[in-house]
Amino acid sequence: MLCASAFLMFGCEPTPDEDDPPYQEAMYYEKVEDDKIRCRLCFRECTIEKDNRGFCRNRENIRGNLYNLVYGRPSAVNVDKVEKLPLYHYRPGLDRLNIGTASCNLRCKYCHNWHLSQSSIDEVEIYDELSPEEIVEKASERKVPSISFTYNEPTAFYEYAYDIARRAREEGIEVLLNSNGTMQPESMRNLLKHIDAVNIDLKGFSEEFYKEVTQGKLAPVLDNLKLIREEGVWLELVNLVVPGLNDDAETIGEMCRWIREHLGKEVPLHFSRFFPSHKLTELSPTPVETLEKAHSTAKEEGLMFVTIGNLPGHKHNSTFCPECEEVLVERTHFTVHEVNVENNKCRFCGTSMPGVWD
């Protein structure tokens, strides 16, 4: 079953019905027996009974059709730098218009945006009612060259993100995606057609961690990481290192080997410092030595570009040339001070630098 957005993909407009609910019909679902619907958007494949919502809280079965309740109803709109996504090899210092809504298809115990991601649209304030066209106009008016989907999981507002991305690319505005990577391959591939760069939260490297801490699964994320690389969209990874939960050196080494073997040693990996949040307020912030050990492990496993985030002033906020070890991009936290990449090469030794720099 395809939504109104999908009709636009094939060049035909759906005919409005006066009895249609005031929501956007969802993409990627099918009708099953007794007015039940099976959502095909993400790995959960929720079966949703009439007048009920899926796990993400945003997709509701209304009279036997599935609707996205947050389409055109963002809960967060803000301008920020690309480094905060984080993307470190994509146009350093680039401004982006950030869009987020309510809810998520995971339940991460440590989520720092829990007030949005762990709430339904009924429980949070709407920033404003903004159509995809109005979002793109807002970026143009503010002379912001990119739009990013972040704050909560874009899977939860997929149709809205898809239509914004498609319109933004038509207007020459770049589109960035920060995701947990749990979409179905078909929905991920379709969205990637309109995306310039992706950051995926690789939350850990065991099914047990994903199940206990996020109520998710690791396998779909790994499949999507390979898909993103196959599609040729620029990819970076972030791993929030949580004390006692995913900071085991052996597991981090296993994760880094998998990245090198399946994605490539040139894919940037950001280790991020955990701070107590949401349901994990009893834990302490990640020790600096734990982050430094993770960084060393990743380098020992052959990854070329490894940084440490959420630790302002640390040496490894910056990116270094893997060949001559000079500073390629000097940063303090998310602020860029100097970029030593010219014509996609290290200014000092001429080594080619993967990424999007111009």
Protein backbone atom coordinates (compact mmCIF):
# COMPACT_ATOMS: atom_id res chain seq x y z
CA MET A 1 0.00 0.00 0.00
CA LEU A 2 1.45 3.38 -1.00
CA CYS A 3 0.74 6.75 0.55
CA ALA A 4 0.08 10.09 -1.13
CA SER A 5 3.83 10.76 -1.11
CA ALA A 6 4.36 7.60 -3.09
CA PHE A 7 1.75 8.65 -5.66
CA LEU A 8 3.86 11.75 -6.28
CA MET A 9 6.85 9.54 -7.03
CA PHE A 10 5.03 8.06 -9.98
CA GLY A 11 3.64 11.34 -11.25
CA CYS A 12 -0.03 11.02 -10.32
CA GLU A 13 -1.88 12.90 -7.60
CA PRO A 14 -4.29 11.02 -5.30
CA THR A 15 -7.88 12.21 -5.30
CA PRO A 16 -8.74 13.80 -1.92
CA ASP A 17 -11.70 12.41 -0.05
CA GLU A 18 -13.76 14.63 2.25
CA ASP A 19 -13.87 11.77 4.75
CA ASP A 20 -10.09 11.33 4.83
CA PRO A 21 -8.48 12.04 8.24
CA PRO A 22 -6.38 15.24 8.44
CA TYR A 23 -3.15 13.24 8.36
CA GLN A 24 -0.72 12.02 5.72
CA GLU A 25 -1.27 8.45 4.61
CA ALA A 26 1.77 6.33 5.42
CA MET A 27 4.10 4.58 3.03
CA TYR A 28 5.10 0.92 3.31
CA TYR A 29 2.17 -0.98 4.78
CA GLU A 30 -0.24 -3.70 3.85
CA LYS A 31 -3.74 -4.60 4.94
CA VAL A 32 -4.31 -7.91 6.67
CA GLU A 33 -7.43 -9.58 8.05
CA ASP A 34 -10.07 -7.87 10.20
CA ASP A 35 -9.02 -4.27 9.52
CA LYS A 36 -5.54 -4.98 10.78
CA ILE A 37 -2.52 -3.35 9.14
CA ARG A 38 1.07 -4.55 8.97
CA CYS A 39 3.56 -1.70 8.78
CA ARG A 40 6.55 -2.45 6.53
CA LEU A 41 8.61 0.66 7.27
CA CYS A 42 11.10 -0.58 9.87
CA PHE A 43 12.41 -3.84 11.30
CA ARG A 44 9.49 -4.17 13.73
CA GLU A 45 6.80 -4.77 11.10
CA CYS A 46 4.11 -3.84 13.61
CA THR A 47 0.66 -5.37 13.19
CA ILE A 48 -1.71 -2.55 14.11
CA GLU A 49 -5.36 -3.03 14.91
CA LYS A 50 -8.02 -0.46 14.06
CA ASP A 51 -7.73 2.78 16.09
CA ASN A 52 -4.33 1.72 17.44
CA ARG A 53 -0.80 2.94 16.80
CA GLY A 54 2.45 1.15 16.08
CA PHE A 55 5.45 0.96 18.40
CA CYS A 56 6.69 4.35 17.15
CA ARG A 57 3.44 5.99 18.35
CA ASN A 58 3.23 7.99 15.13
CA ARG A 59 1.53 5.61 12.71
CA GLU A 60 -2.15 4.94 13.38
CA ASN A 61 -4.68 2.58 11.83
CA ILE A 62 -7.64 4.82 11.02
CA ARG A 63 -10.55 3.07 9.34
CA GLY A 64 -8.24 0.44 7.89
CA ASN A 65 -5.59 2.76 6.47
CA LEU A 66 -2.29 3.76 8.05
CA TYR A 67 -1.55 7.44 8.71
CA ASN A 68 1.50 9.36 9.93
CA LEU A 69 0.34 11.69 12.72
CA VAL A 70 3.41 13.98 12.76
CA TYR A 71 3.58 14.87 9.06
CA GLY A 72 3.94 18.66 8.85
CA ARG A 73 4.04 18.96 12.64
CA PRO A 74 7.69 19.33 13.72
CA SER A 75 8.48 19.64 17.41
CA ALA A 76 12.01 20.98 16.86
CA VAL A 77 13.37 23.34 14.20
CA ASN A 78 16.82 24.84 14.68
CA VAL A 79 19.99 25.91 12.85
CA ASP A 80 23.28 24.32 13.84
CA LYS A 81 26.64 23.21 12.45
CA VAL A 82 27.18 19.92 10.62
CA GLU A 83 29.80 18.87 13.20
CA LYS A 84 27.12 18.45 15.85
CA LEU A 85 25.31 15.73 13.85
CA PRO A 86 28.19 14.58 13.86
CA LEU A 87 29.58 14.68 10.33
CA TYR A 88 33.29 15.54 10.27
CA HIS A 89 34.18 14.76 6.65
CA TYR A 90 31.28 16.62 5.09
CA ARG A 91 31.79 20.33 4.33
CA PRO A 92 33.33 21.43 7.66
CA GLY A 93 31.44 24.31 9.27
CA LEU A 94 28.33 23.80 7.11
CA ASP A 95 25.10 25.27 8.53
CA ARG A 96 22.06 23.01 8.57
CA LEU A 97 18.37 23.48 9.34
CA ASN A 98 17.50 20.69 11.78
CA ILE A 99 14.08 19.07 11.77
CA GLY A 100 12.69 16.70 14.39
CA THR A 101 9.30 15.52 15.58
CA ALA A 102 7.92 13.43 18.42
CA SER A 103 8.68 9.78 19.14
CA CYS A 104 10.99 7.01 17.94
CA ASN A 105 10.96 3.33 17.03
CA LEU A 106 13.50 2.50 19.78
CA ARG A 107 13.43 2.97 23.55
CA CYS A 108 17.04 3.82 24.39
CA LYS A 109 17.46 4.05 28.14
CA TYR A 110 20.07 6.79 27.83
CA CYS A 111 18.46 9.02 25.18
CA HIS A 112 19.40 12.66 25.72
CA ASN A 113 16.46 13.81 23.57
CA TRP A 114 14.04 11.62 25.52
CA HIS A 115 11.52 14.45 25.97
CA LEU A 116 10.91 14.23 22.21
CA SER A 117 11.82 10.67 21.29
CA GLN A 118 10.00 8.98 24.15
CA SER A 119 6.79 10.98 23.79
CA SER A 120 3.87 10.86 21.41
CA ILE A 121 2.66 13.86 19.42
CA ASP A 122 -0.10 14.25 22.02
CA GLU A 123 2.48 14.85 24.75
CA VAL A 124 4.80 17.46 23.20
CA GLU A 125 4.39 20.95 21.86
CA ILE A 126 4.48 21.46 18.11
CA TYR A 127 7.02 24.04 16.96
CA ASP A 128 4.69 25.04 14.13
CA GLU A 129 2.69 23.43 11.37
CA LEU A 130 5.08 23.46 8.43
CA SER A 131 4.64 21.68 5.11
CA PRO A 132 7.68 20.27 3.29
CA GLU A 133 7.52 23.27 0.96
CA GLU A 134 7.56 25.66 3.93
CA ILE A 135 10.55 23.87 5.48
CA VAL A 136 12.49 24.25 2.23
CA GLU A 137 11.41 27.90 1.96
CA LYS A 138 12.59 28.51 5.53
CA ALA A 139 16.03 27.13 4.67
CA SER A 140 16.19 29.25 1.52
CA GLU A 141 15.08 32.43 3.31
CA ARG A 142 17.71 31.93 6.02
CA LYS A 143 20.32 31.07 3.36
CA VAL A 144 20.99 27.75 5.10
CA PRO A 145 22.49 25.36 2.50
CA SER A 146 21.41 22.07 4.09
CA ILE A 147 18.54 20.41 5.94
CA SER A 148 19.08 17.58 8.42
CA PHE A 149 16.73 15.10 10.07
CA THR A 150 17.73 14.62 13.69
CA TYR A 151 16.68 15.05 17.37
CA ASN A 152 14.40 12.01 17.16
CA GLU A 153 14.54 9.05 14.77
CA PRO A 154 13.58 10.09 11.19
CA THR A 155 11.98 6.67 10.66
CA ALA A 156 9.20 7.94 12.93
CA PHE A 157 8.49 10.82 10.51
CA TYR A 158 9.56 9.03 7.35
CA GLU A 159 6.94 10.44 4.95
CA TYR A 160 7.62 13.99 6.13
CA ALA A 161 11.39 13.51 5.80
CA TYR A 162 11.00 11.92 2.38
CA ASP A 163 8.93 14.79 0.97
CA ILE A 164 11.21 17.45 2.49
CA ALA A 165 14.30 15.70 1.12
CA ARG A 166 12.87 15.36 -2.38
CA ARG A 167 11.83 19.01 -2.54
CA ALA A 168 15.08 20.25 -0.99
CA ARG A 169 17.22 18.45 -3.55
CA GLU A 170 15.09 19.94 -6.33
CA GLU A 171 15.97 23.39 -4.93
CA GLY A 172 19.69 22.64 -4.63
CA ILE A 173 19.62 22.26 -0.85
CA GLU A 174 21.67 19.40 0.58
CA VAL A 175 20.01 16.83 2.84
CA LEU A 176 21.61 15.05 5.80
CA LEU A 177 20.29 12.11 7.80
CA ASN A 178 21.04 11.09 11.39
CA SER A 179 19.41 7.71 12.01
CA ASN A 180 19.49 4.58 14.14
CA GLY A 181 19.61 2.58 10.89
CA THR A 182 16.61 0.33 11.52
CA MET A 183 14.50 1.01 8.42
CA GLN A 184 13.62 -1.80 6.09
CA PRO A 185 16.06 -1.96 3.13
CA GLU A 186 13.40 -0.79 0.65
CA SER A 187 12.46 2.30 2.66
CA MET A 188 16.11 3.10 3.39
CA ARG A 189 17.12 2.75 -0.25
CA ASN A 190 14.22 4.94 -1.38
CA LEU A 191 15.12 7.73 1.06
CA LEU A 192 18.83 7.54 0.21
CA LYS A 193 18.02 8.67 -3.34
CA HIS A 194 17.47 12.14 -1.86
CA ILE A 195 20.19 12.16 0.83
CA ASP A 196 23.72 13.58 0.58
CA ALA A 197 25.27 12.21 3.77
CA VAL A 198 24.29 9.88 6.61
CA ASN A 199 25.37 9.48 10.21
CA ILE A 200 24.25 6.22 11.82
CA ASP A 201 24.19 5.64 15.57
CA LEU A 202 25.85 2.25 15.94
CA LYS A 203 24.75 1.92 19.55
CA GLY A 204 26.69 -1.21 20.43
CA PHE A 205 27.88 -4.43 18.89
CA SER A 206 25.81 -7.19 20.45
CA GLU A 207 22.21 -8.27 20.10
CA GLU A 208 22.01 -8.43 23.89
CA PHE A 209 22.91 -4.75 24.23
CA TYR A 210 20.41 -3.70 21.59
CA LYS A 211 17.66 -5.77 23.21
CA GLU A 212 18.29 -4.71 26.81
CA VAL A 213 19.22 -1.05 26.33
CA THR A 214 17.39 0.04 23.16
CA GLN A 215 14.64 -2.56 22.64
CA GLY A 216 16.02 -2.89 19.13
CA LYS A 217 18.08 -5.30 17.04
CA LEU A 218 21.65 -5.05 15.75
CA ALA A 219 21.30 -7.13 12.56
CA PRO A 220 19.06 -4.67 10.63
CA VAL A 221 21.49 -1.86 11.42
CA LEU A 222 24.45 -3.77 10.03
CA ASP A 223 22.48 -4.62 6.89
CA ASN A 224 21.62 -0.96 6.37
CA LEU A 225 25.20 0.15 6.89
CA LYS A 226 26.28 -2.09 4.04
CA LEU A 227 23.37 -0.84 1.94
CA ILE A 228 24.36 2.81 2.48
CA ARG A 229 27.88 2.06 1.30
CA GLU A 230 26.54 0.18 -1.71
CA GLU A 231 24.39 3.18 -2.62
CA GLY A 232 27.43 5.48 -2.53
CA VAL A 233 26.07 7.94 0.03
CA TRP A 234 28.69 9.42 2.35
CA LEU A 235 28.57 7.59 5.70
CA GLU A 236 29.90 8.26 9.18
CA LEU A 237 29.30 6.35 12.41
CA VAL A 238 28.91 7.39 16.03
CA ASN A 239 29.18 5.06 19.02
CA LEU A 240 28.11 6.38 22.41
CA VAL A 241 30.33 4.58 24.92
CA VAL A 242 28.25 3.75 28.00
CA PRO A 243 30.14 2.59 31.12
CA GLY A 244 29.53 -1.06 31.91
CA LEU A 245 27.15 -1.60 29.00
CA ASN A 246 29.02 -1.36 25.68
CA ASP A 247 32.55 -0.30 26.69
CA ASP A 248 34.13 -3.75 26.68
CA ALA A 249 37.43 -3.47 24.80
CA GLU A 250 37.04 -6.85 23.10
CA THR A 251 33.57 -5.97 21.78
CA ILE A 252 34.77 -2.56 20.59
CA GLY A 253 37.60 -4.31 18.75
CA GLU A 254 35.12 -6.69 17.14
CA MET A 255 32.98 -3.74 16.04
CA CYS A 256 35.97 -1.96 14.52
CA ARG A 257 37.04 -5.07 12.62
CA TRP A 258 33.54 -5.43 11.22
CA ILE A 259 33.57 -1.79 10.11
CA ARG A 260 36.94 -2.23 8.38
CA GLU A 261 35.96 -5.48 6.66
CA HIS A 262 32.39 -4.62 5.59
CA LEU A 263 32.35 -0.83 5.22
CA GLY A 264 35.96 0.17 4.70
CA LYS A 265 38.73 1.57 6.85
CA GLU A 266 38.05 5.10 5.57
CA VAL A 267 34.58 5.35 7.19
CA PRO A 268 34.89 7.84 10.09
CA LEU A 269 34.01 6.55 13.56
CA HIS A 270 33.13 8.93 16.38
CA PHE A 271 33.33 7.68 19.97
CA SER A 272 31.04 9.86 22.05
CA ARG A 273 31.13 10.41 25.80
CA PHE A 274 28.05 9.31 27.74
CA PHE A 275 26.47 11.60 30.31
CA PRO A 276 23.72 10.42 32.69
CA SER A 277 20.29 10.84 31.09
CA HIS A 278 16.74 9.52 31.01
CA LYS A 279 16.69 6.09 32.71
CA LEU A 280 20.45 5.79 33.25
CA THR A 281 21.02 8.69 35.61
CA GLU A 282 22.72 6.41 38.15
CA LEU A 283 25.71 5.86 35.84
CA SER A 284 28.78 8.09 35.77
CA PRO A 285 30.04 9.87 32.64
CA THR A 286 32.33 7.77 30.48
CA PRO A 287 35.88 7.93 31.88
CA VAL A 288 38.32 9.72 29.60
CA GLU A 289 40.67 6.73 29.67
CA THR A 290 37.86 4.47 28.39
CA LEU A 291 37.32 6.73 25.38
CA GLU A 292 41.05 6.91 24.73
CA LYS A 293 41.31 3.12 24.91
CA ALA A 294 38.43 2.80 22.42
CA HIS A 295 40.22 5.27 20.14
CA SER A 296 43.46 3.28 20.36
CA THR A 297 41.62 0.02 19.69
CA ALA A 298 39.98 1.43 16.57
CA LYS A 299 43.31 2.68 15.25
CA GLU A 300 44.96 -0.66 15.99
CA GLU A 301 42.20 -2.37 13.99
CA GLY A 302 43.09 -0.21 11.01
CA LEU A 303 40.39 2.49 10.99
CA MET A 304 41.80 5.66 9.49
CA PHE A 305 39.61 8.37 10.98
CA VAL A 306 38.62 8.07 14.64
CA THR A 307 37.54 10.94 16.87
CA ILE A 308 36.31 11.50 20.42
CA GLY A 309 33.22 13.63 21.01
CA ASN A 310 31.38 15.17 23.97
CA LEU A 311 34.78 15.87 25.51
CA PRO A 312 35.56 19.52 24.62
CA GLY A 313 39.24 20.31 24.22
CA HIS A 314 40.48 16.76 23.82
CA LYS A 315 43.15 16.26 21.16
CA HIS A 316 40.97 13.81 19.28
CA ASN A 317 38.17 16.31 18.73
CA SER A 318 40.34 17.00 15.70
CA THR A 319 40.95 14.85 12.61
CA PHE A 320 44.50 13.83 11.68
CA CYS A 321 46.02 12.70 8.40
CA PRO A 322 46.60 8.93 8.65
CA GLU A 323 49.76 9.27 6.53
CA CYS A 324 51.72 12.27 7.86
CA GLU A 325 49.76 12.66 11.13
CA GLU A 326 49.34 16.41 10.69
CA VAL A 327 46.06 18.01 11.76
CA LEU A 328 43.58 17.86 8.87
CA VAL A 329 40.69 19.58 10.64
CA GLU A 330 41.33 21.31 13.94
CA ARG A 331 38.28 21.40 16.22
CA THR A 332 37.38 22.24 19.78
CA HIS A 333 34.25 20.26 20.52
CA PHE A 334 32.07 21.15 17.48
CA THR A 335 33.85 24.38 16.50
CA VAL A 336 36.15 24.22 13.48
CA HIS A 337 39.31 26.34 13.67
CA GLU A 338 41.29 25.20 10.63
CA VAL A 339 40.82 22.94 7.61
CA ASN A 340 43.94 21.60 5.91
CA VAL A 341 42.25 19.75 3.07
CA GLU A 342 42.77 21.17 -0.43
CA ASN A 343 41.34 19.55 -3.55
CA ASN A 344 40.32 16.55 -1.41
CA LYS A 345 43.93 16.01 -0.33
CA CYS A 346 46.00 16.59 2.78
CA ARG A 347 47.66 20.00 2.37
CA PHE A 348 50.86 18.71 3.93
CA CYS A 349 51.53 15.36 2.21
CA GLY A 350 49.03 15.17 -0.65
CA THR A 351 47.28 12.03 0.58
CA SER A 352 43.71 11.75 -0.74
CA MET A 353 41.08 12.40 1.91
CA PRO A 354 37.73 10.59 1.62
CA GLY A 355 34.71 12.77 2.26
CA VAL A 356 32.95 15.79 0.79
CA TRP A 357 35.11 18.86 1.35
CA ASP A 358 34.20 21.53 -1.25
